Amino acid sequence: MADAPAYTPPKVWAWNKDNGGRFANINRPTAGATHEKELQVGRHPFQLYSLATPNGVKVTVMLEELLARGHKGAEYDAWLINISGGDQFGSGFVAVNPNSKIPALLDRSTPTPTRIFESGAILVYLAEKFGEFLPTDPSKRAECLSWLFWQMGATPYLGGGLGHFYAYAPIKIEYAIDRFAMEVKRQLDVLDRQLSANEYIAGADYTIADMAIWPWYGALVKGLLYEAGEFLSVQEYKHVNRWTDAIATRPAVQRGRMVNRAWGEPSSQLPERHDASDFQKPKAAE
């Protein structure tokens, strides 16, 4: 391994505003709102404030899957949160998610509006509210929730770890990239072994565990995350690839991927969603 410049941590850490790479302008060591900005509210029971990153896609896929199963109470308005522009630090968004991360959901069907933040919590809330995609059998429920929380604990190594140091950091640090690449490949092997004996992540049924894991690891094995597919030899994980392709054919998944997306091919974008008919509207040219 190449020698890296020596670094001795200071006795007391101090924030260097310029040290953060691509996202330095929105990273800070404090919480709370930076400006006053109320959130828009539509006519549906659920108000989603999000962006079509993997964590955002989890929730829009879930909502679209619920609607596909006939749950009209799952109708929602999806509002775009521009995280590069700092929308997540507006007072209205912070009131829904004090952690200033997407996605954030407001359920206005309850006597007092209910806020839900963290994508895993949102999936569980919706699954329990509508009685879908979360098994009721205790053993199967435990298996599903175990994989859901596996994703919540594992993905920081993929996103904040490999993704940051491989794709976004201002300098390439061999040790950091090697460390996180090793862990991500271990995680892919965990999934591949599980899927070698199961159609879906938690067994024979499609669940919120699949919805949570697919936007991250499915996108990874298709080369859509951090352009790291070749680097990680993702073709080796044939069972993950099989599972990824199967889920990608689901119409609700295809719709969910579009919602709050404002980049890429115009036909793949739906920055805001307020009605099912929005998917049929012509997309504006880039």
C-alpha atoms as a PDB file:
ATOM      1  CA  MET A   1       0.000   0.000   0.000  1.00  0.00           C
ATOM      2  CA  ALA A   2       1.293   3.439  -0.920  1.00  0.00           C
ATOM      3  CA  ASP A   3       2.410   5.668   1.900  1.00  0.00           C
ATOM      4  CA  ALA A   4      -0.163   8.267   2.907  1.00  0.00           C
ATOM      5  CA  PRO A   5       0.705  11.661   4.354  1.00  0.00           C
ATOM      6  CA  ALA A   6       1.065  11.433   8.117  1.00  0.00           C
ATOM      7  CA  TYR A   7      -1.888  12.766  10.039  1.00  0.00           C
ATOM      8  CA  THR A   8      -2.112  13.268  13.769  1.00  0.00           C
ATOM      9  CA  PRO A   9      -5.626  14.059  15.035  1.00  0.00           C
ATOM     10  CA  PRO A  10      -5.780  17.270  17.057  1.00  0.00           C
ATOM     11  CA  LYS A  11      -6.619  17.118  20.721  1.00  0.00           C
ATOM     12  CA  VAL A  12      -9.945  18.839  19.989  1.00  0.00           C
ATOM     13  CA  TRP A  13     -11.626  18.482  16.596  1.00  0.00           C
ATOM     14  CA  ALA A  14     -12.518  21.685  14.755  1.00  0.00           C
ATOM     15  CA  TRP A  15     -14.780  22.019  11.740  1.00  0.00           C
ATOM     16  CA  ASN A  16     -13.022  22.809   8.467  1.00  0.00           C
ATOM     17  CA  LYS A  17     -15.822  24.071   6.228  1.00  0.00           C
ATOM     18  CA  ASP A  18     -13.817  23.385   3.072  1.00  0.00           C
ATOM     19  CA  ASN A  19     -13.048  19.772   3.948  1.00  0.00           C
ATOM     20  CA  GLY A  20     -15.935  17.717   2.633  1.00  0.00           C
ATOM     21  CA  GLY A  21     -15.537  17.154  -1.067  1.00  0.00           C
ATOM     22  CA  ARG A  22     -18.570  17.361  -3.296  1.00  0.00           C
ATOM     23  CA  PHE A  23     -21.022  17.870  -0.440  1.00  0.00           C
ATOM     24  CA  ALA A  24     -18.999  20.308   1.649  1.00  0.00           C
ATOM     25  CA  ASN A  25     -21.573  23.063   1.140  1.00  0.00           C
ATOM     26  CA  ILE A  26     -24.344  21.110   2.911  1.00  0.00           C
ATOM     27  CA  ASN A  27     -22.367  19.256   5.584  1.00  0.00           C
ATOM     28  CA  ARG A  28     -22.111  20.749   9.057  1.00  0.00           C
ATOM     29  CA  PRO A  29     -21.662  19.482  12.613  1.00  0.00           C
ATOM     30  CA  THR A  30     -24.869  20.989  13.965  1.00  0.00           C
ATOM     31  CA  ALA A  31     -28.573  20.234  13.564  1.00  0.00           C
ATOM     32  CA  GLY A  32     -31.642  22.417  13.209  1.00  0.00           C
ATOM     33  CA  ALA A  33     -33.060  24.719  10.572  1.00  0.00           C
ATOM     34  CA  THR A  34     -30.907  27.214   8.733  1.00  0.00           C
ATOM     35  CA  HIS A  35     -33.779  29.148   7.197  1.00  0.00           C
ATOM     36  CA  GLU A  36     -37.532  29.551   7.309  1.00  0.00           C
ATOM     37  CA  LYS A  37     -39.370  27.592   4.637  1.00  0.00           C
ATOM     38  CA  GLU A  38     -42.760  25.975   4.998  1.00  0.00           C
ATOM     39  CA  LEU A  39     -43.477  22.686   3.269  1.00  0.00           C
ATOM     40  CA  GLN A  40     -46.090  22.414   0.554  1.00  0.00           C
ATOM     41  CA  VAL A  41     -49.147  20.305   1.332  1.00  0.00           C
ATOM     42  CA  GLY A  42     -51.329  18.535  -1.201  1.00  0.00           C
ATOM     43  CA  ARG A  43     -54.743  16.906  -0.977  1.00  0.00           C
ATOM     44  CA  HIS A  44     -53.830  13.298  -0.216  1.00  0.00           C
ATOM     45  CA  PRO A  45     -53.506  11.507   3.154  1.00  0.00           C
ATOM     46  CA  PHE A  46     -49.752  11.124   2.789  1.00  0.00           C
ATOM     47  CA  GLN A  47     -47.330  13.937   2.126  1.00  0.00           C
ATOM     48  CA  LEU A  48     -43.885  12.714   1.125  1.00  0.00           C
ATOM     49  CA  TYR A  49     -40.871  15.019   1.074  1.00  0.00           C
ATOM     50  CA  SER A  50     -38.044  13.232  -0.657  1.00  0.00           C
ATOM     51  CA  LEU A  51     -35.616  12.689  -3.504  1.00  0.00           C
ATOM     52  CA  ALA A  52     -35.087   9.618  -5.703  1.00  0.00           C
ATOM     53  CA  THR A  53     -31.915   8.479  -3.997  1.00  0.00           C
ATOM     54  CA  PRO A  54     -31.953   4.829  -2.872  1.00  0.00           C
ATOM     55  CA  ASN A  55     -33.445   5.763   0.504  1.00  0.00           C
ATOM     56  CA  GLY A  56     -36.173   7.785  -1.164  1.00  0.00           C
ATOM     57  CA  VAL A  57     -36.973   5.070  -3.702  1.00  0.00           C
ATOM     58  CA  LYS A  58     -37.728   2.614  -0.885  1.00  0.00           C
ATOM     59  CA  VAL A  59     -40.752   4.658   0.162  1.00  0.00           C
ATOM     60  CA  THR A  60     -42.139   5.564  -3.261  1.00  0.00           C
ATOM     61  CA  VAL A  61     -41.931   1.897  -4.279  1.00  0.00           C
ATOM     62  CA  MET A  62     -43.834   0.935  -1.118  1.00  0.00           C
ATOM     63  CA  LEU A  63     -46.544   3.516  -1.747  1.00  0.00           C
ATOM     64  CA  GLU A  64     -46.915   2.469  -5.369  1.00  0.00           C
ATOM     65  CA  GLU A  65     -47.070  -1.198  -4.361  1.00  0.00           C
ATOM     66  CA  LEU A  66     -49.826  -0.413  -1.848  1.00  0.00           C
ATOM     67  CA  LEU A  67     -51.807   1.472  -4.473  1.00  0.00           C
ATOM     68  CA  ALA A  68     -51.323  -1.440  -6.887  1.00  0.00           C
ATOM     69  CA  ARG A  69     -52.957  -3.687  -4.278  1.00  0.00           C
ATOM     70  CA  GLY A  70     -55.972  -1.429  -4.135  1.00  0.00           C
ATOM     71  CA  HIS A  71     -55.258   0.591  -0.992  1.00  0.00           C
ATOM     72  CA  LYS A  72     -56.727   3.959  -1.934  1.00  0.00           C
ATOM     73  CA  GLY A  73     -55.770   5.286   1.484  1.00  0.00           C
ATOM     74  CA  ALA A  74     -52.131   5.142   0.378  1.00  0.00           C
ATOM     75  CA  GLU A  75     -52.589   7.988  -2.107  1.00  0.00           C
ATOM     76  CA  TYR A  76     -49.847  10.509  -1.721  1.00  0.00           C
ATOM     77  CA  ASP A  77     -48.312  13.769  -2.842  1.00  0.00           C
ATOM     78  CA  ALA A  78     -44.550  13.578  -3.375  1.00  0.00           C
ATOM     79  CA  TRP A  79     -42.645  16.851  -3.110  1.00  0.00           C
ATOM     80  CA  LEU A  80     -39.073  17.216  -4.322  1.00  0.00           C
ATOM     81  CA  ILE A  81     -36.443  18.051  -1.706  1.00  0.00           C
ATOM     82  CA  ASN A  82     -33.304  19.429  -3.323  1.00  0.00           C
ATOM     83  CA  ILE A  83     -30.633  18.311  -0.881  1.00  0.00           C
ATOM     84  CA  SER A  84     -27.846  19.965  -2.874  1.00  0.00           C
ATOM     85  CA  GLY A  85     -29.656  23.255  -2.419  1.00  0.00           C
ATOM     86  CA  GLY A  86     -30.232  22.724   1.301  1.00  0.00           C
ATOM     87  CA  ASP A  87     -34.014  22.205   1.257  1.00  0.00           C
ATOM     88  CA  GLN A  88     -33.607  19.662   4.060  1.00  0.00           C
ATOM     89  CA  PHE A  89     -32.554  22.466   6.401  1.00  0.00           C
ATOM     90  CA  GLY A  90     -35.748  24.489   5.923  1.00  0.00           C
ATOM     91  CA  SER A  91     -37.860  24.945   9.047  1.00  0.00           C
ATOM     92  CA  GLY A  92     -40.785  22.972   7.659  1.00  0.00           C
ATOM     93  CA  PHE A  93     -38.690  19.962   6.733  1.00  0.00           C
ATOM     94  CA  VAL A  94     -36.825  19.957  10.039  1.00  0.00           C
ATOM     95  CA  ALA A  95     -40.196  19.912  11.813  1.00  0.00           C
ATOM     96  CA  VAL A  96     -40.969  16.602  10.057  1.00  0.00           C
ATOM     97  CA  ASN A  97     -37.453  15.189  10.276  1.00  0.00           C
ATOM     98  CA  PRO A  98     -35.158  16.757  12.875  1.00  0.00           C
ATOM     99  CA  ASN A  99     -32.297  14.757  11.356  1.00  0.00           C
ATOM    100  CA  SER A 100     -32.590  16.699   8.055  1.00  0.00           C
ATOM    101  CA  LYS A 101     -32.382  13.632   5.831  1.00  0.00           C
ATOM    102  CA  ILE A 102     -34.761  12.389   3.155  1.00  0.00           C
ATOM    103  CA  PRO A 103     -37.246  10.792   3.084  1.00  0.00           C
ATOM    104  CA  ALA A 104     -39.764  12.298   5.487  1.00  0.00           C
ATOM    105  CA  LEU A 105     -43.444  11.393   5.539  1.00  0.00           C
ATOM    106  CA  LEU A 106     -46.459  13.116   7.064  1.00  0.00           C
ATOM    107  CA  ASP A 107     -49.609  11.044   7.601  1.00  0.00           C
ATOM    108  CA  ARG A 108     -52.559  13.446   7.693  1.00  0.00           C
ATOM    109  CA  SER A 109     -55.164  10.692   8.043  1.00  0.00           C
ATOM    110  CA  THR A 110     -54.566  10.485  11.797  1.00  0.00           C
ATOM    111  CA  PRO A 111     -56.401  12.788  14.283  1.00  0.00           C
ATOM    112  CA  THR A 112     -53.184  14.749  14.671  1.00  0.00           C
ATOM    113  CA  PRO A 113     -50.773  14.552  11.704  1.00  0.00           C
ATOM    114  CA  THR A 114     -48.152  11.873  12.315  1.00  0.00           C
ATOM    115  CA  ARG A 115     -44.573  12.423  11.239  1.00  0.00           C
ATOM    116  CA  ILE A 116     -42.400   9.466  10.292  1.00  0.00           C
ATOM    117  CA  PHE A 117     -38.733   9.768   9.404  1.00  0.00           C
ATOM    118  CA  GLU A 118     -35.988   7.251   8.578  1.00  0.00           C
ATOM    119  CA  SER A 119     -36.822   5.079   5.585  1.00  0.00           C
ATOM    120  CA  GLY A 120     -36.960   1.823   7.545  1.00  0.00           C
ATOM    121  CA  ALA A 121     -39.405   3.305  10.045  1.00  0.00           C
ATOM    122  CA  ILE A 122     -41.575   4.560   7.188  1.00  0.00           C
ATOM    123  CA  LEU A 123     -41.688   1.100   5.597  1.00  0.00           C
ATOM    124  CA  VAL A 124     -42.712  -0.528   8.888  1.00  0.00           C
ATOM    125  CA  TYR A 125     -45.324   2.158   9.564  1.00  0.00           C
ATOM    126  CA  LEU A 126     -46.935   1.719   6.150  1.00  0.00           C
ATOM    127  CA  ALA A 127     -46.752  -2.076   6.308  1.00  0.00           C
ATOM    128  CA  GLU A 128     -48.507  -2.122   9.671  1.00  0.00           C
ATOM    129  CA  LYS A 129     -51.060   0.501   8.713  1.00  0.00           C
ATOM    130  CA  PHE A 130     -52.185  -1.385   5.610  1.00  0.00           C
ATOM    131  CA  GLY A 131     -51.371  -4.951   6.617  1.00  0.00           C
ATOM    132  CA  GLU A 132     -49.149  -5.587   3.602  1.00  0.00           C
ATOM    133  CA  PHE A 133     -45.585  -6.724   2.849  1.00  0.00           C
ATOM    134  CA  LEU A 134     -44.753  -7.600   6.466  1.00  0.00           C
ATOM    135  CA  PRO A 135     -45.572 -11.154   7.554  1.00  0.00           C
ATOM    136  CA  THR A 136     -47.798 -11.681  10.577  1.00  0.00           C
ATOM    137  CA  ASP A 137     -46.355 -15.091  11.449  1.00  0.00           C
ATOM    138  CA  PRO A 138     -43.873 -14.328  14.271  1.00  0.00           C
ATOM    139  CA  SER A 139     -40.955 -16.245  12.747  1.00  0.00           C
ATOM    140  CA  LYS A 140     -41.461 -14.838   9.260  1.00  0.00           C
ATOM    141  CA  ARG A 141     -41.962 -11.337  10.651  1.00  0.00           C
ATOM    142  CA  ALA A 142     -38.707 -11.630  12.593  1.00  0.00           C
ATOM    143  CA  GLU A 143     -36.878 -12.774   9.460  1.00  0.00           C
ATOM    144  CA  CYS A 144     -38.241  -9.856   7.447  1.00  0.00           C
ATOM    145  CA  LEU A 145     -37.405  -7.278  10.107  1.00  0.00           C
ATOM    146  CA  SER A 146     -33.944  -8.762  10.590  1.00  0.00           C
ATOM    147  CA  TRP A 147     -33.156  -8.181   6.925  1.00  0.00           C
ATOM    148  CA  LEU A 148     -34.725  -4.726   6.990  1.00  0.00           C
ATOM    149  CA  PHE A 149     -32.479  -3.692   9.862  1.00  0.00           C
ATOM    150  CA  TRP A 150     -29.546  -5.464   8.224  1.00  0.00           C
ATOM    151  CA  GLN A 151     -29.956  -3.009   5.378  1.00  0.00           C
ATOM    152  CA  MET A 152     -30.206  -0.028   7.689  1.00  0.00           C
ATOM    153  CA  GLY A 153     -26.971  -1.039   9.414  1.00  0.00           C
ATOM    154  CA  ALA A 154     -25.100  -2.275   6.342  1.00  0.00           C
ATOM    155  CA  THR A 155     -25.715   0.475   3.828  1.00  0.00           C
ATOM    156  CA  PRO A 156     -23.645   3.186   5.556  1.00  0.00           C
ATOM    157  CA  TYR A 157     -20.609   1.119   4.575  1.00  0.00           C
ATOM    158  CA  LEU A 158     -21.802   1.259   0.976  1.00  0.00           C
ATOM    159  CA  GLY A 159     -22.983   4.863   0.823  1.00  0.00           C
ATOM    160  CA  GLY A 160     -21.050   6.896   3.342  1.00  0.00           C
ATOM    161  CA  GLY A 161     -18.109   4.490   3.181  1.00  0.00           C
ATOM    162  CA  LEU A 162     -17.327   3.164  -0.291  1.00  0.00           C
ATOM    163  CA  GLY A 163     -19.494   5.689  -2.113  1.00  0.00           C
ATOM    164  CA  HIS A 164     -17.892   8.652  -0.423  1.00  0.00           C
ATOM    165  CA  PHE A 165     -14.261   7.605  -0.637  1.00  0.00           C
ATOM    166  CA  TYR A 166     -14.467   5.953  -4.074  1.00  0.00           C
ATOM    167  CA  ALA A 167     -16.623   8.538  -5.854  1.00  0.00           C
ATOM    168  CA  TYR A 168     -16.849  11.813  -3.938  1.00  0.00           C
ATOM    169  CA  ALA A 169     -13.868  12.406  -1.645  1.00  0.00           C
ATOM    170  CA  PRO A 170     -11.524  15.189  -2.818  1.00  0.00           C
ATOM    171  CA  ILE A 171      -8.560  12.815  -2.509  1.00  0.00           C
ATOM    172  CA  LYS A 172      -8.325   9.051  -3.035  1.00  0.00           C
ATOM    173  CA  ILE A 173      -7.277   7.239   0.123  1.00  0.00           C
ATOM    174  CA  GLU A 174      -6.232   3.678  -0.676  1.00  0.00           C
ATOM    175  CA  TYR A 175      -6.793   2.350   2.825  1.00  0.00           C
ATOM    176  CA  ALA A 176     -10.326   3.781   3.064  1.00  0.00           C
ATOM    177  CA  ILE A 177     -11.386   2.541  -0.386  1.00  0.00           C
ATOM    178  CA  ASP A 178      -9.902  -0.911   0.210  1.00  0.00           C
ATOM    179  CA  ARG A 179     -11.521  -1.193   3.637  1.00  0.00           C
ATOM    180  CA  PHE A 180     -15.005  -0.309   2.430  1.00  0.00           C
ATOM    181  CA  ALA A 181     -14.740  -2.280  -0.822  1.00  0.00           C
ATOM    182  CA  MET A 182     -13.943  -5.378   1.231  1.00  0.00           C
ATOM    183  CA  GLU A 183     -16.972  -4.833   3.457  1.00  0.00           C
ATOM    184  CA  VAL A 184     -19.343  -4.152   0.557  1.00  0.00           C
ATOM    185  CA  LYS A 185     -18.225  -7.325  -1.195  1.00  0.00           C
ATOM    186  CA  ARG A 186     -18.809  -9.235   2.029  1.00  0.00           C
ATOM    187  CA  GLN A 187     -22.329  -7.796   2.177  1.00  0.00           C
ATOM    188  CA  LEU A 188     -22.976  -8.821  -1.425  1.00  0.00           C
ATOM    189  CA  ASP A 189     -21.838 -12.318  -0.542  1.00  0.00           C
ATOM    190  CA  VAL A 190     -24.244 -12.352   2.418  1.00  0.00           C
ATOM    191  CA  LEU A 191     -27.100 -11.450   0.073  1.00  0.00           C
ATOM    192  CA  ASP A 192     -26.016 -13.875  -2.627  1.00  0.00           C
ATOM    193  CA  ARG A 193     -25.962 -16.781  -0.190  1.00  0.00           C
ATOM    194  CA  GLN A 194     -29.379 -15.842   1.169  1.00  0.00           C
ATOM    195  CA  LEU A 195     -30.865 -15.525  -2.308  1.00  0.00           C
ATOM    196  CA  SER A 196     -29.362 -18.806  -3.469  1.00  0.00           C
ATOM    197  CA  ALA A 197     -31.989 -20.562  -1.357  1.00  0.00           C
ATOM    198  CA  ASN A 198     -34.814 -18.000  -1.418  1.00  0.00           C
ATOM    199  CA  GLU A 199     -36.789 -16.253  -4.128  1.00  0.00           C
ATOM    200  CA  TYR A 200     -36.861 -13.048  -2.120  1.00  0.00           C
ATOM    201  CA  ILE A 201     -34.715 -11.710   0.692  1.00  0.00           C
ATOM    202  CA  ALA A 202     -36.831 -12.963   3.599  1.00  0.00           C
ATOM    203  CA  GLY A 203     -38.129 -16.107   1.941  1.00  0.00           C
ATOM    204  CA  ALA A 204     -40.824 -16.937  -0.587  1.00  0.00           C
ATOM    205  CA  ASP A 205     -42.702 -13.624  -0.321  1.00  0.00           C
ATOM    206  CA  TYR A 206     -41.890 -10.136  -1.509  1.00  0.00           C
ATOM    207  CA  THR A 207     -41.654  -7.853   1.537  1.00  0.00           C
ATOM    208  CA  ILE A 208     -40.432  -4.515   2.796  1.00  0.00           C
ATOM    209  CA  ALA A 209     -37.013  -6.145   3.185  1.00  0.00           C
ATOM    210  CA  ASP A 210     -36.788  -6.372  -0.606  1.00  0.00           C
ATOM    211  CA  MET A 211     -38.003  -2.797  -0.997  1.00  0.00           C
ATOM    212  CA  ALA A 212     -35.309  -1.586   1.395  1.00  0.00           C
ATOM    213  CA  ILE A 213     -32.387  -3.551  -0.027  1.00  0.00           C
ATOM    214  CA  TRP A 214     -33.150  -3.424  -3.752  1.00  0.00           C
ATOM    215  CA  PRO A 215     -32.619   0.339  -4.362  1.00  0.00           C
ATOM    216  CA  TRP A 216     -29.111   0.049  -2.905  1.00  0.00           C
ATOM    217  CA  TYR A 217     -27.695  -3.361  -3.759  1.00  0.00           C
ATOM    218  CA  GLY A 218     -29.819  -3.921  -6.841  1.00  0.00           C
ATOM    219  CA  ALA A 219     -28.597  -0.647  -8.273  1.00  0.00           C
ATOM    220  CA  LEU A 220     -25.052  -1.545  -7.286  1.00  0.00           C
ATOM    221  CA  VAL A 221     -24.960  -4.837  -9.186  1.00  0.00           C
ATOM    222  CA  LYS A 222     -26.393  -3.087 -12.245  1.00  0.00           C
ATOM    223  CA  GLY A 223     -23.607  -0.515 -12.191  1.00  0.00           C
ATOM    224  CA  LEU A 224     -25.924   2.365 -11.275  1.00  0.00           C
ATOM    225  CA  LEU A 225     -24.250   3.356  -8.001  1.00  0.00           C
ATOM    226  CA  TYR A 226     -20.947   5.217  -7.955  1.00  0.00           C
ATOM    227  CA  GLU A 227     -19.909   3.548 -11.258  1.00  0.00           C
ATOM    228  CA  ALA A 228     -18.402   0.876  -9.049  1.00  0.00           C
ATOM    229  CA  GLY A 229     -19.794  -2.222 -10.729  1.00  0.00           C
ATOM    230  CA  GLU A 230     -16.643  -3.270 -12.562  1.00  0.00           C
ATOM    231  CA  PHE A 231     -14.482  -2.294  -9.588  1.00  0.00           C
ATOM    232  CA  LEU A 232     -16.447  -4.664  -7.331  1.00  0.00           C
ATOM    233  CA  SER A 233     -16.869  -7.461  -9.933  1.00  0.00           C
ATOM    234  CA  VAL A 234     -20.613  -7.406  -9.303  1.00  0.00           C
ATOM    235  CA  GLN A 235     -21.291  -9.992 -12.021  1.00  0.00           C
ATOM    236  CA  GLU A 236     -20.018 -12.630  -9.580  1.00  0.00           C
ATOM    237  CA  TYR A 237     -23.177 -12.358  -7.494  1.00  0.00           C
ATOM    238  CA  LYS A 238     -25.541 -14.245  -9.791  1.00  0.00           C
ATOM    239  CA  HIS A 239     -28.335 -14.709  -7.255  1.00  0.00           C
ATOM    240  CA  VAL A 240     -28.365 -10.995  -6.385  1.00  0.00           C
ATOM    241  CA  ASN A 241     -28.504 -10.222 -10.095  1.00  0.00           C
ATOM    242  CA  ARG A 242     -31.402 -12.654 -10.614  1.00  0.00           C
ATOM    243  CA  TRP A 243     -33.339 -11.104  -7.737  1.00  0.00           C
ATOM    244  CA  THR A 244     -32.571  -7.579  -8.929  1.00  0.00           C
ATOM    245  CA  ASP A 245     -33.857  -8.263 -12.430  1.00  0.00           C
ATOM    246  CA  ALA A 246     -37.046  -9.896 -11.133  1.00  0.00           C
ATOM    247  CA  ILE A 247     -37.964  -6.937  -8.927  1.00  0.00           C
ATOM    248  CA  ALA A 248     -37.166  -4.460 -11.689  1.00  0.00           C
ATOM    249  CA  THR A 249     -40.019  -5.900 -13.789  1.00  0.00           C
ATOM    250  CA  ARG A 250     -42.665  -4.938 -11.230  1.00  0.00           C
ATOM    251  CA  PRO A 251     -44.746  -1.996 -12.548  1.00  0.00           C
ATOM    252  CA  ALA A 252     -45.002  -0.419  -9.081  1.00  0.00           C
ATOM    253  CA  VAL A 253     -41.208  -0.529  -8.754  1.00  0.00           C
ATOM    254  CA  GLN A 254     -40.808   1.111 -12.137  1.00  0.00           C
ATOM    255  CA  ARG A 255     -43.159   3.892 -11.110  1.00  0.00           C
ATOM    256  CA  GLY A 256     -41.577   4.270  -7.698  1.00  0.00           C
ATOM    257  CA  ARG A 257     -38.133   4.767  -9.217  1.00  0.00           C
ATOM    258  CA  MET A 258     -39.400   7.741 -11.200  1.00  0.00           C
ATOM    259  CA  VAL A 259     -40.942   9.706  -8.341  1.00  0.00           C
ATOM    260  CA  ASN A 260     -38.889  12.684  -7.095  1.00  0.00           C
ATOM    261  CA  ARG A 261     -36.322  12.015  -9.806  1.00  0.00           C
ATOM    262  CA  ALA A 262     -35.041  15.169 -11.514  1.00  0.00           C
ATOM    263  CA  TRP A 263     -32.034  13.877 -13.444  1.00  0.00           C
ATOM    264  CA  GLY A 264     -31.253  11.347 -16.160  1.00  0.00           C
ATOM    265  CA  GLU A 265     -33.413  10.587 -19.174  1.00  0.00           C
ATOM    266  CA  PRO A 266     -36.523  12.806 -19.259  1.00  0.00           C
ATOM    267  CA  SER A 267     -38.724   9.704 -19.556  1.00  0.00           C
ATOM    268  CA  SER A 268     -37.363   8.457 -16.199  1.00  0.00           C
ATOM    269  CA  GLN A 269     -38.199  11.645 -14.302  1.00  0.00           C
ATOM    270  CA  LEU A 270     -41.211  12.635 -12.239  1.00  0.00           C
ATOM    271  CA  PRO A 271     -39.986  15.400  -9.912  1.00  0.00           C
ATOM    272  CA  GLU A 272     -43.386  15.662  -8.194  1.00  0.00           C
ATOM    273  CA  ARG A 273     -46.205  13.147  -8.003  1.00  0.00           C
ATOM    274  CA  HIS A 274     -49.757  14.157  -7.105  1.00  0.00           C
ATOM    275  CA  ASP A 275     -51.881  11.683  -9.027  1.00  0.00           C
ATOM    276  CA  ALA A 276     -51.481   8.362 -10.829  1.00  0.00           C
ATOM    277  CA  SER A 277     -52.079  10.174 -14.113  1.00  0.00           C
ATOM    278  CA  ASP A 278     -48.815  12.079 -13.604  1.00  0.00           C
ATOM    279  CA  PHE A 279     -46.933   9.027 -14.886  1.00  0.00           C
ATOM    280  CA  GLN A 280     -48.617   9.392 -18.291  1.00  0.00           C
ATOM    281  CA  LYS A 281     -47.836  13.082 -18.724  1.00  0.00           C
ATOM    282  CA  PRO A 282     -45.085  14.009 -21.215  1.00  0.00           C
ATOM    283  CA  LYS A 283     -41.807  14.768 -19.477  1.00  0.00           C
ATOM    284  CA  ALA A 284     -40.094  18.086 -20.136  1.00  0.00           C
ATOM    285  CA  ALA A 285     -36.933  17.902 -22.213  1.00  0.00           C
ATOM    286  CA  GLU A 286     -33.671  18.448 -20.387  1.00  0.00           C
END
